[in-house]
Amino acid sequence: RYKDMDSPLKPRDEDERALLQELVAAQHEKFVEVVKTGRPRMTTREVRDLADGRIISAQEAQERGLIDKLGYLDDAYQRISELSGFSRNRLVRYANAWHTGNNIYSNAFPVEPFSD
């Protein structure tokens, strides 16, 4: 019944909308819980006020207290090396060779998604 749920080829029905809303609400609660655990100085109200679903820049996230420091992937590798005590020469990086843009259906035909 739900195999094609949220397909861009058909409009969403109310059952699908309700199921998707349930999933989104559950993930939102998990996000609030994870942020609250990682930011114990923030109140649950403060976390909920920040977690309104909009996308924010890394700089804004830092200003709002959601992240500690801005950096690139190489900065993260450097920090991992420092914290672990291993030299960067011992750090192994695995590349992910697959993503959804590489599947045979990704460019099969142009589709305009239904908007709600």
PDB file of N, CA and C in Angstrom:
ATOM      1  N   ARG A   1       0.814  -1.202   0.000  1.00  0.00           N
ATOM      2  CA  ARG A   1       0.000   0.000   0.000  1.00  0.00           C
ATOM      3  C   ARG A   1       0.856   1.263   0.000  1.00  0.00           C
ATOM      4  N   TYR A   2       1.960   1.253   0.731  1.00  0.00           N
ATOM      5  CA  TYR A   2       2.752   2.477   0.870  1.00  0.00           C
ATOM      6  C   TYR A   2       4.061   2.444   0.081  1.00  0.00           C
ATOM      7  N   LYS A   3       4.205   1.504  -0.843  1.00  0.00           N
ATOM      8  CA  LYS A   3       5.465   1.400  -1.581  1.00  0.00           C
ATOM      9  C   LYS A   3       5.792   2.672  -2.358  1.00  0.00           C
ATOM     10  N   ASP A   4       4.778   3.337  -2.856  1.00  0.00           N
ATOM     11  CA  ASP A   4       5.024   4.552  -3.639  1.00  0.00           C
ATOM     12  C   ASP A   4       4.685   5.817  -2.851  1.00  0.00           C
ATOM     13  N   MET A   5       4.688   5.690  -1.537  1.00  0.00           N
ATOM     14  CA  MET A   5       4.371   6.843  -0.699  1.00  0.00           C
ATOM     15  C   MET A   5       5.363   7.977  -0.973  1.00  0.00           C
ATOM     16  N   ASP A   6       4.860   9.155  -1.091  1.00  0.00           N
ATOM     17  CA  ASP A   6       5.632  10.363  -1.360  1.00  0.00           C
ATOM     18  C   ASP A   6       6.260  10.361  -2.752  1.00  0.00           C
ATOM     19  N   SER A   7       5.694   9.571  -3.640  1.00  0.00           N
ATOM     20  CA  SER A   7       6.160   9.562  -5.019  1.00  0.00           C
ATOM     21  C   SER A   7       5.844  10.912  -5.658  1.00  0.00           C
ATOM     22  N   PRO A   8       6.765  11.430  -6.452  1.00  0.00           N
ATOM     23  CA  PRO A   8       6.472  12.678  -7.154  1.00  0.00           C
ATOM     24  C   PRO A   8       5.474  12.480  -8.293  1.00  0.00           C
ATOM     25  N   LEU A   9       5.100  11.233  -8.554  1.00  0.00           N
ATOM     26  CA  LEU A   9       4.199  10.937  -9.661  1.00  0.00           C
ATOM     27  C   LEU A   9       2.731  10.947  -9.269  1.00  0.00           C
ATOM     28  N   LYS A  10       2.445  11.125  -7.981  1.00  0.00           N
ATOM     29  CA  LYS A  10       1.041  11.143  -7.547  1.00  0.00           C
ATOM     30  C   LYS A  10       0.904  12.017  -6.303  1.00  0.00           C
ATOM     31  N   PRO A  11      -0.262  12.594  -6.114  1.00  0.00           N
ATOM     32  CA  PRO A  11      -0.459  13.403  -4.904  1.00  0.00           C
ATOM     33  C   PRO A  11      -0.560  12.505  -3.668  1.00  0.00           C
ATOM     34  N   ARG A  12      -0.197  13.077  -2.532  1.00  0.00           N
ATOM     35  CA  ARG A  12      -0.283  12.360  -1.254  1.00  0.00           C
ATOM     36  C   ARG A  12      -1.721  12.268  -0.792  1.00  0.00           C
ATOM     37  N   ASP A  13      -2.134  11.103  -0.294  1.00  0.00           N
ATOM     38  CA  ASP A  13      -3.463  11.022   0.306  1.00  0.00           C
ATOM     39  C   ASP A  13      -3.342  11.286   1.813  1.00  0.00           C
ATOM     40  N   GLU A  14      -4.466  11.390   2.494  1.00  0.00           N
ATOM     41  CA  GLU A  14      -4.458  11.754   3.916  1.00  0.00           C
ATOM     42  C   GLU A  14      -3.772  10.711   4.792  1.00  0.00           C
ATOM     43  N   ASP A  15      -3.929   9.424   4.476  1.00  0.00           N
ATOM     44  CA  ASP A  15      -3.238   8.377   5.243  1.00  0.00           C
ATOM     45  C   ASP A  15      -1.727   8.529   5.133  1.00  0.00           C
ATOM     46  N   GLU A  16      -1.244   8.783   3.920  1.00  0.00           N
ATOM     47  CA  GLU A  16       0.194   8.973   3.713  1.00  0.00           C
ATOM     48  C   GLU A  16       0.683  10.219   4.441  1.00  0.00           C
ATOM     49  N   ARG A  17      -0.097  11.277   4.346  1.00  0.00           N
ATOM     50  CA  ARG A  17       0.270  12.522   5.020  1.00  0.00           C
ATOM     51  C   ARG A  17       0.385  12.300   6.530  1.00  0.00           C
ATOM     52  N   ALA A  18      -0.579  11.585   7.103  1.00  0.00           N
ATOM     53  CA  ALA A  18      -0.569  11.314   8.543  1.00  0.00           C
ATOM     54  C   ALA A  18       0.630  10.453   8.929  1.00  0.00           C
ATOM     55  N   LEU A  19       0.930   9.436   8.126  1.00  0.00           N
ATOM     56  CA  LEU A  19       2.063   8.568   8.416  1.00  0.00           C
ATOM     57  C   LEU A  19       3.378   9.336   8.333  1.00  0.00           C
ATOM     58  N   LEU A  20       3.530  10.144   7.294  1.00  0.00           N
ATOM     59  CA  LEU A  20       4.743  10.953   7.164  1.00  0.00           C
ATOM     60  C   LEU A  20       4.871  11.947   8.314  1.00  0.00           C
ATOM     61  N   GLN A  21       3.761  12.553   8.720  1.00  0.00           N
ATOM     62  CA  GLN A  21       3.798  13.496   9.832  1.00  0.00           C
ATOM     63  C   GLN A  21       4.224  12.802  11.120  1.00  0.00           C
ATOM     64  N   GLU A  22       3.746  11.576  11.310  1.00  0.00           N
ATOM     65  CA  GLU A  22       4.129  10.789  12.479  1.00  0.00           C
ATOM     66  C   GLU A  22       5.639  10.526  12.483  1.00  0.00           C
ATOM     67  N   LEU A  23       6.174  10.160  11.317  1.00  0.00           N
ATOM     68  CA  LEU A  23       7.610   9.903  11.202  1.00  0.00           C
ATOM     69  C   LEU A  23       8.426  11.170  11.458  1.00  0.00           C
ATOM     70  N   VAL A  24       7.987  12.273  10.888  1.00  0.00           N
ATOM     71  CA  VAL A  24       8.691  13.543  11.079  1.00  0.00           C
ATOM     72  C   VAL A  24       8.648  13.958  12.545  1.00  0.00           C
ATOM     73  N   ALA A  25       7.500  13.823  13.182  1.00  0.00           N
ATOM     74  CA  ALA A  25       7.367  14.194  14.596  1.00  0.00           C
ATOM     75  C   ALA A  25       8.279  13.343  15.468  1.00  0.00           C
ATOM     76  N   ALA A  26       8.376  12.054  15.172  1.00  0.00           N
ATOM     77  CA  ALA A  26       9.252  11.168  15.948  1.00  0.00           C
ATOM     78  C   ALA A  26      10.715  11.572  15.773  1.00  0.00           C
ATOM     79  N   GLN A  27      11.122  11.892  14.549  1.00  0.00           N
ATOM     80  CA  GLN A  27      12.499  12.323  14.311  1.00  0.00           C
ATOM     81  C   GLN A  27      12.776  13.673  14.967  1.00  0.00           C
ATOM     82  N   HIS A  28      11.794  14.545  14.963  1.00  0.00           N
ATOM     83  CA  HIS A  28      11.948  15.841  15.619  1.00  0.00           C
ATOM     84  C   HIS A  28      12.186  15.652  17.114  1.00  0.00           C
ATOM     85  N   GLU A  29      11.410  14.779  17.740  1.00  0.00           N
ATOM     86  CA  GLU A  29      11.595  14.515  19.172  1.00  0.00           C
ATOM     87  C   GLU A  29      12.973  13.937  19.445  1.00  0.00           C
ATOM     88  N   LYS A  30      13.435  13.043  18.577  1.00  0.00           N
ATOM     89  CA  LYS A  30      14.772  12.466  18.727  1.00  0.00           C
ATOM     90  C   LYS A  30      15.829  13.554  18.596  1.00  0.00           C
ATOM     91  N   PHE A  31      15.660  14.462  17.644  1.00  0.00           N
ATOM     92  CA  PHE A  31      16.594  15.569  17.469  1.00  0.00           C
ATOM     93  C   PHE A  31      16.655  16.424  18.727  1.00  0.00           C
ATOM     94  N   VAL A  32      15.499  16.784  19.263  1.00  0.00           N
ATOM     95  CA  VAL A  32      15.447  17.597  20.485  1.00  0.00           C
ATOM     96  C   VAL A  32      16.170  16.875  21.617  1.00  0.00           C
ATOM     97  N   GLU A  33      15.936  15.582  21.737  1.00  0.00           N
ATOM     98  CA  GLU A  33      16.567  14.784  22.791  1.00  0.00           C
ATOM     99  C   GLU A  33      18.091  14.749  22.632  1.00  0.00           C
ATOM    100  N   VAL A  34      18.563  14.540  21.407  1.00  0.00           N
ATOM    101  CA  VAL A  34      20.006  14.479  21.150  1.00  0.00           C
ATOM    102  C   VAL A  34      20.658  15.832  21.433  1.00  0.00           C
ATOM    103  N   VAL A  35      20.043  16.911  20.967  1.00  0.00           N
ATOM    104  CA  VAL A  35      20.605  18.243  21.215  1.00  0.00           C
ATOM    105  C   VAL A  35      20.611  18.538  22.708  1.00  0.00           C
ATOM    106  N   LYS A  36      19.530  18.241  23.391  1.00  0.00           N
ATOM    107  CA  LYS A  36      19.440  18.501  24.836  1.00  0.00           C
ATOM    108  C   LYS A  36      20.514  17.717  25.584  1.00  0.00           C
ATOM    109  N   THR A  37      20.751  16.470  25.187  1.00  0.00           N
ATOM    110  CA  THR A  37      21.789  15.654  25.829  1.00  0.00           C
ATOM    111  C   THR A  37      23.174  16.242  25.573  1.00  0.00           C
ATOM    112  N   GLY A  38      23.425  16.676  24.345  1.00  0.00           N
ATOM    113  CA  GLY A  38      24.728  17.227  23.990  1.00  0.00           C
ATOM    114  C   GLY A  38      24.949  18.651  24.447  1.00  0.00           C
ATOM    115  N   ARG A  39      23.886  19.349  24.753  1.00  0.00           N
ATOM    116  CA  ARG A  39      23.955  20.745  25.201  1.00  0.00           C
ATOM    117  C   ARG A  39      23.216  20.874  26.533  1.00  0.00           C
ATOM    118  N   PRO A  40      23.769  20.304  27.609  1.00  0.00           N
ATOM    119  CA  PRO A  40      23.047  20.264  28.889  1.00  0.00           C
ATOM    120  C   PRO A  40      22.734  21.640  29.477  1.00  0.00           C
ATOM    121  N   ARG A  41      23.449  22.662  29.044  1.00  0.00           N
ATOM    122  CA  ARG A  41      23.160  24.010  29.568  1.00  0.00           C
ATOM    123  C   ARG A  41      21.919  24.628  28.931  1.00  0.00           C
ATOM    124  N   MET A  42      21.481  24.056  27.812  1.00  0.00           N
ATOM    125  CA  MET A  42      20.277  24.567  27.151  1.00  0.00           C
ATOM    126  C   MET A  42      19.052  23.925  27.788  1.00  0.00           C
ATOM    127  N   THR A  43      18.027  24.717  27.962  1.00  0.00           N
ATOM    128  CA  THR A  43      16.770  24.159  28.457  1.00  0.00           C
ATOM    129  C   THR A  43      16.046  23.474  27.303  1.00  0.00           C
ATOM    130  N   THR A  44      15.136  22.603  27.634  1.00  0.00           N
ATOM    131  CA  THR A  44      14.341  21.944  26.596  1.00  0.00           C
ATOM    132  C   THR A  44      13.581  22.985  25.787  1.00  0.00           C
ATOM    133  N   ARG A  45      13.086  24.025  26.437  1.00  0.00           N
ATOM    134  CA  ARG A  45      12.364  25.103  25.742  1.00  0.00           C
ATOM    135  C   ARG A  45      13.282  25.783  24.729  1.00  0.00           C
ATOM    136  N   GLU A  46      14.533  26.064  25.123  1.00  0.00           N
ATOM    137  CA  GLU A  46      15.479  26.701  24.208  1.00  0.00           C
ATOM    138  C   GLU A  46      15.742  25.810  22.990  1.00  0.00           C
ATOM    139  N   VAL A  47      15.905  24.515  23.236  1.00  0.00           N
ATOM    140  CA  VAL A  47      16.140  23.586  22.129  1.00  0.00           C
ATOM    141  C   VAL A  47      14.928  23.557  21.205  1.00  0.00           C
ATOM    142  N   ARG A  48      13.739  23.461  21.775  1.00  0.00           N
ATOM    143  CA  ARG A  48      12.518  23.420  20.952  1.00  0.00           C
ATOM    144  C   ARG A  48      12.352  24.713  20.143  1.00  0.00           C
ATOM    145  N   ASP A  49      12.703  25.844  20.740  1.00  0.00           N
ATOM    146  CA  ASP A  49      12.606  27.114  20.011  1.00  0.00           C
ATOM    147  C   ASP A  49      13.552  27.137  18.809  1.00  0.00           C
ATOM    148  N   LEU A  50      14.728  26.513  18.954  1.00  0.00           N
ATOM    149  CA  LEU A  50      15.688  26.462  17.849  1.00  0.00           C
ATOM    150  C   LEU A  50      15.304  25.418  16.805  1.00  0.00           C
ATOM    151  N   ALA A  51      14.647  24.360  17.233  1.00  0.00           N
ATOM    152  CA  ALA A  51      14.336  23.222  16.357  1.00  0.00           C
ATOM    153  C   ALA A  51      12.998  23.427  15.663  1.00  0.00           C
ATOM    154  N   ASP A  52      12.935  24.462  14.835  1.00  0.00           N
ATOM    155  CA  ASP A  52      11.663  24.767  14.173  1.00  0.00           C
ATOM    156  C   ASP A  52      11.608  24.262  12.734  1.00  0.00           C
ATOM    157  N   GLY A  53      12.621  23.510  12.309  1.00  0.00           N
ATOM    158  CA  GLY A  53      12.598  22.897  10.987  1.00  0.00           C
ATOM    159  C   GLY A  53      13.323  23.663   9.905  1.00  0.00           C
ATOM    160  N   ARG A  54      13.708  24.891  10.174  1.00  0.00           N
ATOM    161  CA  ARG A  54      14.382  25.636   9.113  1.00  0.00           C
ATOM    162  C   ARG A  54      15.858  25.255   9.034  1.00  0.00           C
ATOM    163  N   ILE A  55      16.429  25.482   7.886  1.00  0.00           N
ATOM    164  CA  ILE A  55      17.849  25.241   7.665  1.00  0.00           C
ATOM    165  C   ILE A  55      18.595  26.496   8.094  1.00  0.00           C
ATOM    166  N   ILE A  56      19.678  26.305   8.843  1.00  0.00           N
ATOM    167  CA  ILE A  56      20.492  27.448   9.254  1.00  0.00           C
ATOM    168  C   ILE A  56      21.938  27.200   8.845  1.00  0.00           C
ATOM    169  N   SER A  57      22.678  28.282   8.719  1.00  0.00           N
ATOM    170  CA  SER A  57      24.085  28.167   8.345  1.00  0.00           C
ATOM    171  C   SER A  57      24.891  27.650   9.529  1.00  0.00           C
ATOM    172  N   ALA A  58      26.091  27.184   9.240  1.00  0.00           N
ATOM    173  CA  ALA A  58      26.976  26.713  10.305  1.00  0.00           C
ATOM    174  C   ALA A  58      27.298  27.859  11.264  1.00  0.00           C
ATOM    175  N   GLN A  59      27.504  29.052  10.723  1.00  0.00           N
ATOM    176  CA  GLN A  59      27.821  30.198  11.573  1.00  0.00           C
ATOM    177  C   GLN A  59      26.658  30.506  12.513  1.00  0.00           C
ATOM    178  N   GLU A  60      25.434  30.465  11.998  1.00  0.00           N
ATOM    179  CA  GLU A  60      24.271  30.714  12.853  1.00  0.00           C
ATOM    180  C   GLU A  60      24.128  29.613  13.901  1.00  0.00           C
ATOM    181  N   ALA A  61      24.400  28.370  13.507  1.00  0.00           N
ATOM    182  CA  ALA A  61      24.344  27.262  14.469  1.00  0.00           C
ATOM    183  C   ALA A  61      25.344  27.486  15.596  1.00  0.00           C
ATOM    184  N   GLN A  62      26.516  27.988  15.246  1.00  0.00           N
ATOM    185  CA  GLN A  62      27.522  28.280  16.269  1.00  0.00           C
ATOM    186  C   GLN A  62      27.060  29.432  17.161  1.00  0.00           C
ATOM    187  N   GLU A  63      26.512  30.474  16.562  1.00  0.00           N
ATOM    188  CA  GLU A  63      26.019  31.615  17.337  1.00  0.00           C
ATOM    189  C   GLU A  63      24.895  31.209  18.286  1.00  0.00           C
ATOM    190  N   ARG A  64      24.087  30.244  17.871  1.00  0.00           N
ATOM    191  CA  ARG A  64      22.963  29.788  18.699  1.00  0.00           C
ATOM    192  C   ARG A  64      23.365  28.707  19.701  1.00  0.00           C
ATOM    193  N   GLY A  65      24.642  28.319  19.686  1.00  0.00           N
ATOM    194  CA  GLY A  65      25.120  27.340  20.659  1.00  0.00           C
ATOM    195  C   GLY A  65      24.889  25.893  20.285  1.00  0.00           C
ATOM    196  N   LEU A  66      24.586  25.630  19.011  1.00  0.00           N
ATOM    197  CA  LEU A  66      24.350  24.248  18.584  1.00  0.00           C
ATOM    198  C   LEU A  66      25.634  23.518  18.202  1.00  0.00           C
ATOM    199  N   ILE A  67      26.652  24.263  17.804  1.00  0.00           N
ATOM    200  CA  ILE A  67      27.956  23.670  17.501  1.00  0.00           C
ATOM    201  C   ILE A  67      29.037  24.490  18.184  1.00  0.00           C
ATOM    202  N   ASP A  68      30.169  23.857  18.441  1.00  0.00           N
ATOM    203  CA  ASP A  68      31.254  24.518  19.161  1.00  0.00           C
ATOM    204  C   ASP A  68      32.220  25.252  18.244  1.00  0.00           C
ATOM    205  N   LYS A  69      32.487  24.664  17.094  1.00  0.00           N
ATOM    206  CA  LYS A  69      33.543  25.205  16.251  1.00  0.00           C
ATOM    207  C   LYS A  69      33.231  24.927  14.787  1.00  0.00           C
ATOM    208  N   LEU A  70      33.615  25.850  13.927  1.00  0.00           N
ATOM    209  CA  LEU A  70      33.473  25.666  12.487  1.00  0.00           C
ATOM    210  C   LEU A  70      34.755  25.066  11.935  1.00  0.00           C
ATOM    211  N   GLY A  71      34.636  24.211  10.941  1.00  0.00           N
ATOM    212  CA  GLY A  71      35.821  23.624  10.333  1.00  0.00           C
ATOM    213  C   GLY A  71      35.451  22.767   9.143  1.00  0.00           C
ATOM    214  N   TYR A  72      36.469  22.301   8.487  1.00  0.00           N
ATOM    215  CA  TYR A  72      36.310  21.429   7.328  1.00  0.00           C
ATOM    216  C   TYR A  72      36.644  19.999   7.728  1.00  0.00           C
ATOM    217  N   LEU A  73      36.453  19.074   6.803  1.00  0.00           N
ATOM    218  CA  LEU A  73      36.696  17.666   7.076  1.00  0.00           C
ATOM    219  C   LEU A  73      38.136  17.433   7.532  1.00  0.00           C
ATOM    220  N   ASP A  74      39.091  18.089   6.899  1.00  0.00           N
ATOM    221  CA  ASP A  74      40.489  17.927   7.320  1.00  0.00           C
ATOM    222  C   ASP A  74      40.711  18.411   8.747  1.00  0.00           C
ATOM    223  N   ASP A  75      39.980  19.443   9.165  1.00  0.00           N
ATOM    224  CA  ASP A  75      40.069  19.900  10.556  1.00  0.00           C
ATOM    225  C   ASP A  75      39.564  18.812  11.501  1.00  0.00           C
ATOM    226  N   ALA A  76      38.496  18.136  11.096  1.00  0.00           N
ATOM    227  CA  ALA A  76      37.955  17.047  11.918  1.00  0.00           C
ATOM    228  C   ALA A  76      38.957  15.901  12.004  1.00  0.00           C
ATOM    229  N   TYR A  77      39.595  15.554  10.889  1.00  0.00           N
ATOM    230  CA  TYR A  77      40.613  14.503  10.915  1.00  0.00           C
ATOM    231  C   TYR A  77      41.757  14.887  11.854  1.00  0.00           C
ATOM    232  N   GLN A  78      42.164  16.136  11.789  1.00  0.00           N
ATOM    233  CA  GLN A  78      43.243  16.608  12.660  1.00  0.00           C
ATOM    234  C   GLN A  78      42.839  16.480  14.125  1.00  0.00           C
ATOM    235  N   ARG A  79      41.621  16.878  14.434  1.00  0.00           N
ATOM    236  CA  ARG A  79      41.136  16.810  15.823  1.00  0.00           C
ATOM    237  C   ARG A  79      41.027  15.362  16.296  1.00  0.00           C
ATOM    238  N   ILE A  80      40.569  14.473  15.426  1.00  0.00           N
ATOM    239  CA  ILE A  80      40.500  13.047  15.766  1.00  0.00           C
ATOM    240  C   ILE A  80      41.894  12.523  16.089  1.00  0.00           C
ATOM    241  N   SER A  81      42.872  12.898  15.284  1.00  0.00           N
ATOM    242  CA  SER A  81      44.249  12.471  15.528  1.00  0.00           C
ATOM    243  C   SER A  81      44.739  12.966  16.879  1.00  0.00           C
ATOM    244  N   GLU A  82      44.440  14.217  17.194  1.00  0.00           N
ATOM    245  CA  GLU A  82      44.859  14.782  18.481  1.00  0.00           C
ATOM    246  C   GLU A  82      44.206  14.053  19.648  1.00  0.00           C
ATOM    247  N   LEU A  83      42.900  13.840  19.563  1.00  0.00           N
ATOM    248  CA  LEU A  83      42.174  13.213  20.667  1.00  0.00           C
ATOM    249  C   LEU A  83      42.517  11.739  20.836  1.00  0.00           C
ATOM    250  N   SER A  84      42.797  11.048  19.737  1.00  0.00           N
ATOM    251  CA  SER A  84      43.062   9.611  19.806  1.00  0.00           C
ATOM    252  C   SER A  84      44.508   9.297  20.150  1.00  0.00           C
ATOM    253  N   GLY A  85      45.395  10.247  19.897  1.00  0.00           N
ATOM    254  CA  GLY A  85      46.809   9.991  20.121  1.00  0.00           C
ATOM    255  C   GLY A  85      47.480   9.320  18.935  1.00  0.00           C
ATOM    256  N   PHE A  86      46.724   9.021  17.888  1.00  0.00           N
ATOM    257  CA  PHE A  86      47.299   8.430  16.681  1.00  0.00           C
ATOM    258  C   PHE A  86      47.766   9.548  15.757  1.00  0.00           C
ATOM    259  N   SER A  87      48.813   9.267  15.009  1.00  0.00           N
ATOM    260  CA  SER A  87      49.246  10.267  14.036  1.00  0.00           C
ATOM    261  C   SER A  87      48.287  10.239  12.852  1.00  0.00           C
ATOM    262  N   ARG A  88      48.303  11.296  12.084  1.00  0.00           N
ATOM    263  CA  ARG A  88      47.434  11.348  10.899  1.00  0.00           C
ATOM    264  C   ARG A  88      47.794  10.252   9.913  1.00  0.00           C
ATOM    265  N   ASN A  89      49.030   9.758   9.986  1.00  0.00           N
ATOM    266  CA  ASN A  89      49.443   8.684   9.081  1.00  0.00           C
ATOM    267  C   ASN A  89      48.695   7.385   9.355  1.00  0.00           C
ATOM    268  N   ARG A  90      48.128   7.238  10.551  1.00  0.00           N
ATOM    269  CA  ARG A  90      47.411   6.012  10.899  1.00  0.00           C
ATOM    270  C   ARG A  90      45.911   6.149  10.693  1.00  0.00           C
ATOM    271  N   LEU A  91      45.457   7.308  10.296  1.00  0.00           N
ATOM    272  CA  LEU A  91      44.035   7.542  10.073  1.00  0.00           C
ATOM    273  C   LEU A  91      43.639   6.987   8.707  1.00  0.00           C
ATOM    274  N   VAL A  92      42.656   6.108   8.691  1.00  0.00           N
ATOM    275  CA  VAL A  92      42.197   5.492   7.445  1.00  0.00           C
ATOM    276  C   VAL A  92      40.874   6.127   7.057  1.00  0.00           C
ATOM    277  N   ARG A  93      40.788   6.607   5.844  1.00  0.00           N
ATOM    278  CA  ARG A  93      39.549   7.191   5.337  1.00  0.00           C
ATOM    279  C   ARG A  93      38.925   6.221   4.340  1.00  0.00           C
ATOM    280  N   TYR A  94      37.658   5.946   4.526  1.00  0.00           N
ATOM    281  CA  TYR A  94      36.925   5.102   3.587  1.00  0.00           C
ATOM    282  C   TYR A  94      36.015   5.992   2.758  1.00  0.00           C
ATOM    283  N   ALA A  95      36.016   5.785   1.468  1.00  0.00           N
ATOM    284  CA  ALA A  95      35.178   6.588   0.579  1.00  0.00           C
ATOM    285  C   ALA A  95      33.883   5.844   0.303  1.00  0.00           C
ATOM    286  N   ASN A  96      32.809   6.585   0.252  1.00  0.00           N
ATOM    287  CA  ASN A  96      31.518   6.017  -0.105  1.00  0.00           C
ATOM    288  C   ASN A  96      31.346   6.204  -1.605  1.00  0.00           C
ATOM    289  N   ALA A  97      31.383   5.104  -2.338  1.00  0.00           N
ATOM    290  CA  ALA A  97      31.325   5.182  -3.794  1.00  0.00           C
ATOM    291  C   ALA A  97      29.902   5.250  -4.326  1.00  0.00           C
ATOM    292  N   TRP A  98      28.912   5.107  -3.486  1.00  0.00           N
ATOM    293  CA  TRP A  98      27.527   5.053  -3.947  1.00  0.00           C
ATOM    294  C   TRP A  98      26.703   6.133  -3.272  1.00  0.00           C
ATOM    295  N   HIS A  99      25.907   6.810  -4.028  1.00  0.00           N
ATOM    296  CA  HIS A  99      24.892   7.694  -3.466  1.00  0.00           C
ATOM    297  C   HIS A  99      23.698   7.667  -4.410  1.00  0.00           C
ATOM    298  N   THR A 100      22.585   8.206  -3.981  1.00  0.00           N
ATOM    299  CA  THR A 100      21.345   8.064  -4.746  1.00  0.00           C
ATOM    300  C   THR A 100      21.434   8.671  -6.141  1.00  0.00           C
ATOM    301  N   GLY A 101      22.303   9.626  -6.341  1.00  0.00           N
ATOM    302  CA  GLY A 101      22.445  10.215  -7.661  1.00  0.00           C
ATOM    303  C   GLY A 101      23.088   9.284  -8.682  1.00  0.00           C
ATOM    304  N   ASN A 102      23.635   8.169  -8.216  1.00  0.00           N
ATOM    305  CA  ASN A 102      24.295   7.224  -9.116  1.00  0.00           C
ATOM    306  C   ASN A 102      23.415   6.067  -9.560  1.00  0.00           C
ATOM    307  N   ASN A 103      22.156   6.059  -9.197  1.00  0.00           N
ATOM    308  CA  ASN A 103      21.353   4.905  -9.593  1.00  0.00           C
ATOM    309  C   ASN A 103      20.808   5.076 -11.008  1.00  0.00           C
ATOM    310  N   ILE A 104      20.373   3.972 -11.599  1.00  0.00           N
ATOM    311  CA  ILE A 104      19.950   3.997 -13.000  1.00  0.00           C
ATOM    312  C   ILE A 104      18.670   4.783 -13.231  1.00  0.00           C
ATOM    313  N   TYR A 105      17.922   5.062 -12.181  1.00  0.00           N
ATOM    314  CA  TYR A 105      16.655   5.769 -12.330  1.00  0.00           C
ATOM    315  C   TYR A 105      16.773   7.276 -12.124  1.00  0.00           C
ATOM    316  N   SER A 106      17.904   7.741 -11.621  1.00  0.00           N
ATOM    317  CA  SER A 106      18.006   9.139 -11.214  1.00  0.00           C
ATOM    318  C   SER A 106      17.761  10.128 -12.346  1.00  0.00           C
ATOM    319  N   ASN A 107      18.147   9.785 -13.551  1.00  0.00           N
ATOM    320  CA  ASN A 107      17.950  10.690 -14.685  1.00  0.00           C
ATOM    321  C   ASN A 107      17.096  10.070 -15.780  1.00  0.00           C
ATOM    322  N   ALA A 108      16.302   9.070 -15.432  1.00  0.00           N
ATOM    323  CA  ALA A 108      15.512   8.350 -16.432  1.00  0.00           C
ATOM    324  C   ALA A 108      14.522   9.262 -17.138  1.00  0.00           C
ATOM    325  N   PHE A 109      13.843  10.110 -16.385  1.00  0.00           N
ATOM    326  CA  PHE A 109      12.897  11.043 -16.980  1.00  0.00           C
ATOM    327  C   PHE A 109      12.664  12.194 -16.019  1.00  0.00           C
ATOM    328  N   PRO A 110      12.431  13.385 -16.560  1.00  0.00           N
ATOM    329  CA  PRO A 110      12.193  14.530 -15.677  1.00  0.00           C
ATOM    330  C   PRO A 110      10.826  14.418 -15.011  1.00  0.00           C
ATOM    331  N   VAL A 111      10.776  14.755 -13.754  1.00  0.00           N
ATOM    332  CA  VAL A 111       9.528  14.670 -12.993  1.00  0.00           C
ATOM    333  C   VAL A 111       9.343  15.966 -12.224  1.00  0.00           C
ATOM    334  N   GLU A 112       8.171  16.526 -12.329  1.00  0.00           N
ATOM    335  CA  GLU A 112       7.816  17.672 -11.509  1.00  0.00           C
ATOM    336  C   GLU A 112       7.050  17.146 -10.308  1.00  0.00           C
ATOM    337  N   PRO A 113       7.588  17.268  -9.102  1.00  0.00           N
ATOM    338  CA  PRO A 113       6.887  16.737  -7.935  1.00  0.00           C
ATOM    339  C   PRO A 113       5.616  17.520  -7.636  1.00  0.00           C
ATOM    340  N   PHE A 114       4.642  16.818  -7.066  1.00  0.00           N
ATOM    341  CA  PHE A 114       3.428  17.484  -6.605  1.00  0.00           C
ATOM    342  C   PHE A 114       3.785  18.297  -5.379  1.00  0.00           C
ATOM    343  N   SER A 115       3.261  19.473  -5.276  1.00  0.00           N
ATOM    344  CA  SER A 115       3.490  20.261  -4.070  1.00  0.00           C
ATOM    345  C   SER A 115       2.190  20.355  -3.302  1.00  0.00           C
ATOM    346  N   ASP A 116       2.339  20.494  -2.005  1.00  0.00           N
ATOM    347  CA  ASP A 116       1.152  20.575  -1.147  1.00  0.00           C
ATOM    348  C   ASP A 116       0.937  21.989  -0.664  1.00  0.00           C
TER     349      ASP A 116
END
